[in-house]
Amino acid sequence: MGPAGGARGGGEQRLPEGSATETVYGLIRDGKHGECIKFLSAELSAAPSSRPALSLLGYCHYHVGDYDAAAAMYDQLSRLFPEAGHWGNSKGGAALLPETLNLKP
């Protein structure tokens, strides 16, 4: 994730310098996906092609039930990093949607 700082305009908060990974994974561990989305969105604003931010945003959006946003993150990942080849499919990450996986959120 990109460089961090304090509060930013638009209500976005960047993660404190040196604590991005610990903070994000702590929020995910604690089930605070919505709060994590706020921080990761600020990171993505600073670095629009951040592979970690896109991937974790997709994960968090999925866990709050915003499947369209999750699919959009995975679609962007597949376009930016086609060599990875496991972000979803050409239908915008539809392979990760619960009805495709037969999962109930």
Protein backbone atom coordinates (compact mmCIF):
# COMPACT_ATOMS: atom_id res chain seq x y z
CA MET A 1 0.00 0.00 0.00
CA GLY A 2 1.14 3.52 -0.65
CA PRO A 3 2.56 6.10 1.68
CA ALA A 4 0.39 6.96 4.60
CA GLY A 5 -0.55 10.16 6.33
CA GLY A 6 -3.29 11.63 8.46
CA ALA A 7 -6.85 12.54 7.59
CA ARG A 8 -7.57 13.49 4.00
CA GLY A 9 -10.26 15.55 2.38
CA GLY A 10 -13.57 13.88 1.56
CA GLY A 11 -13.70 12.03 4.86
CA GLU A 12 -11.05 9.50 3.83
CA GLN A 13 -8.44 8.47 6.36
CA ARG A 14 -5.04 7.15 5.40
CA LEU A 15 -3.37 4.54 7.53
CA PRO A 16 -0.57 5.64 9.85
CA GLU A 17 2.93 5.25 8.41
CA GLY A 18 4.29 1.73 8.91
CA SER A 19 1.08 0.22 10.26
CA ALA A 20 -0.99 -0.39 7.13
CA THR A 21 -0.67 -4.16 7.04
CA GLU A 22 -1.19 -4.61 10.79
CA THR A 23 -4.19 -2.25 10.83
CA VAL A 24 -5.93 -3.71 7.78
CA TYR A 25 -5.52 -7.34 8.79
CA GLY A 26 -6.53 -6.49 12.36
CA LEU A 27 -9.76 -4.91 11.11
CA ILE A 28 -10.45 -7.92 8.89
CA ARG A 29 -9.68 -10.34 11.74
CA ASP A 30 -12.11 -8.44 13.97
CA GLY A 31 -14.84 -8.48 11.31
CA LYS A 32 -14.71 -4.70 10.81
CA HIS A 33 -14.88 -4.92 7.03
CA GLY A 34 -16.78 -1.64 6.64
CA GLU A 35 -14.12 0.28 8.55
CA CYS A 36 -11.42 -1.47 6.56
CA ILE A 37 -13.13 -0.38 3.31
CA LYS A 38 -12.74 3.26 4.39
CA PHE A 39 -9.01 2.92 4.93
CA LEU A 40 -8.43 0.84 1.81
CA SER A 41 -10.43 3.27 -0.33
CA ALA A 42 -8.10 6.06 0.80
CA GLU A 43 -5.11 3.89 -0.07
CA LEU A 44 -6.60 3.15 -3.49
CA SER A 45 -7.16 6.87 -4.11
CA ALA A 46 -3.46 7.45 -3.54
CA ALA A 47 -2.39 4.43 -5.61
CA PRO A 48 -5.17 3.46 -8.07
CA SER A 49 -3.39 0.33 -9.29
CA SER A 50 -2.46 -1.00 -5.85
CA ARG A 51 -2.80 -4.76 -6.09
CA PRO A 52 -3.09 -5.25 -2.29
CA ALA A 53 -5.70 -2.49 -1.91
CA LEU A 54 -7.82 -3.79 -4.80
CA SER A 55 -7.64 -7.37 -3.59
CA LEU A 56 -8.47 -6.55 0.02
CA LEU A 57 -11.23 -4.14 -1.02
CA GLY A 58 -12.78 -6.94 -3.06
CA TYR A 59 -12.58 -9.23 -0.06
CA CYS A 60 -14.09 -6.65 2.31
CA HIS A 61 -16.87 -5.63 -0.07
CA TYR A 62 -17.77 -9.30 -0.43
CA HIS A 63 -17.97 -9.72 3.34
CA VAL A 64 -20.29 -6.72 3.79
CA GLY A 65 -22.54 -8.09 1.05
CA ASP A 66 -21.67 -5.52 -1.62
CA TYR A 67 -21.09 -8.09 -4.33
CA ASP A 68 -21.17 -5.59 -7.20
CA ALA A 69 -18.36 -3.57 -5.61
CA ALA A 70 -16.43 -6.77 -4.89
CA ALA A 71 -16.80 -7.88 -8.49
CA ALA A 72 -15.66 -4.44 -9.69
CA MET A 73 -12.47 -4.71 -7.60
CA TYR A 74 -11.70 -8.19 -8.94
CA ASP A 75 -12.50 -7.06 -12.47
CA GLN A 76 -10.04 -4.19 -12.11
CA LEU A 77 -7.44 -6.62 -10.73
CA SER A 78 -7.90 -8.95 -13.70
CA ARG A 79 -7.44 -6.05 -16.10
CA LEU A 80 -4.37 -4.62 -14.34
CA PHE A 81 -2.75 -7.97 -13.55
CA PRO A 82 -3.92 -10.47 -16.18
CA GLU A 83 -0.88 -12.66 -15.56
CA ALA A 84 -2.29 -13.63 -12.15
CA GLY A 85 -5.34 -15.15 -13.82
CA HIS A 86 -7.19 -16.06 -10.64
CA TRP A 87 -9.15 -12.92 -9.74
CA GLY A 88 -12.40 -14.05 -11.28
CA ASN A 89 -13.46 -14.31 -14.87
CA SER A 90 -14.28 -12.06 -17.79
CA LYS A 91 -17.68 -11.34 -16.29
CA GLY A 92 -16.23 -9.01 -13.67
CA GLY A 93 -15.28 -11.52 -11.02
CA ALA A 94 -18.61 -13.33 -11.13
CA ALA A 95 -16.83 -16.52 -10.12
CA LEU A 96 -16.48 -15.01 -6.66
CA LEU A 97 -20.14 -14.19 -6.15
CA PRO A 98 -21.95 -16.33 -3.57
CA GLU A 99 -24.50 -17.75 -6.00
CA THR A 100 -21.66 -18.94 -8.21
CA LEU A 101 -19.84 -20.55 -5.31
CA ASN A 102 -23.07 -21.89 -3.79
CA LEU A 103 -22.27 -20.06 -0.56
CA LYS A 104 -24.57 -18.16 1.68
CA PRO A 105 -23.05 -14.94 3.03
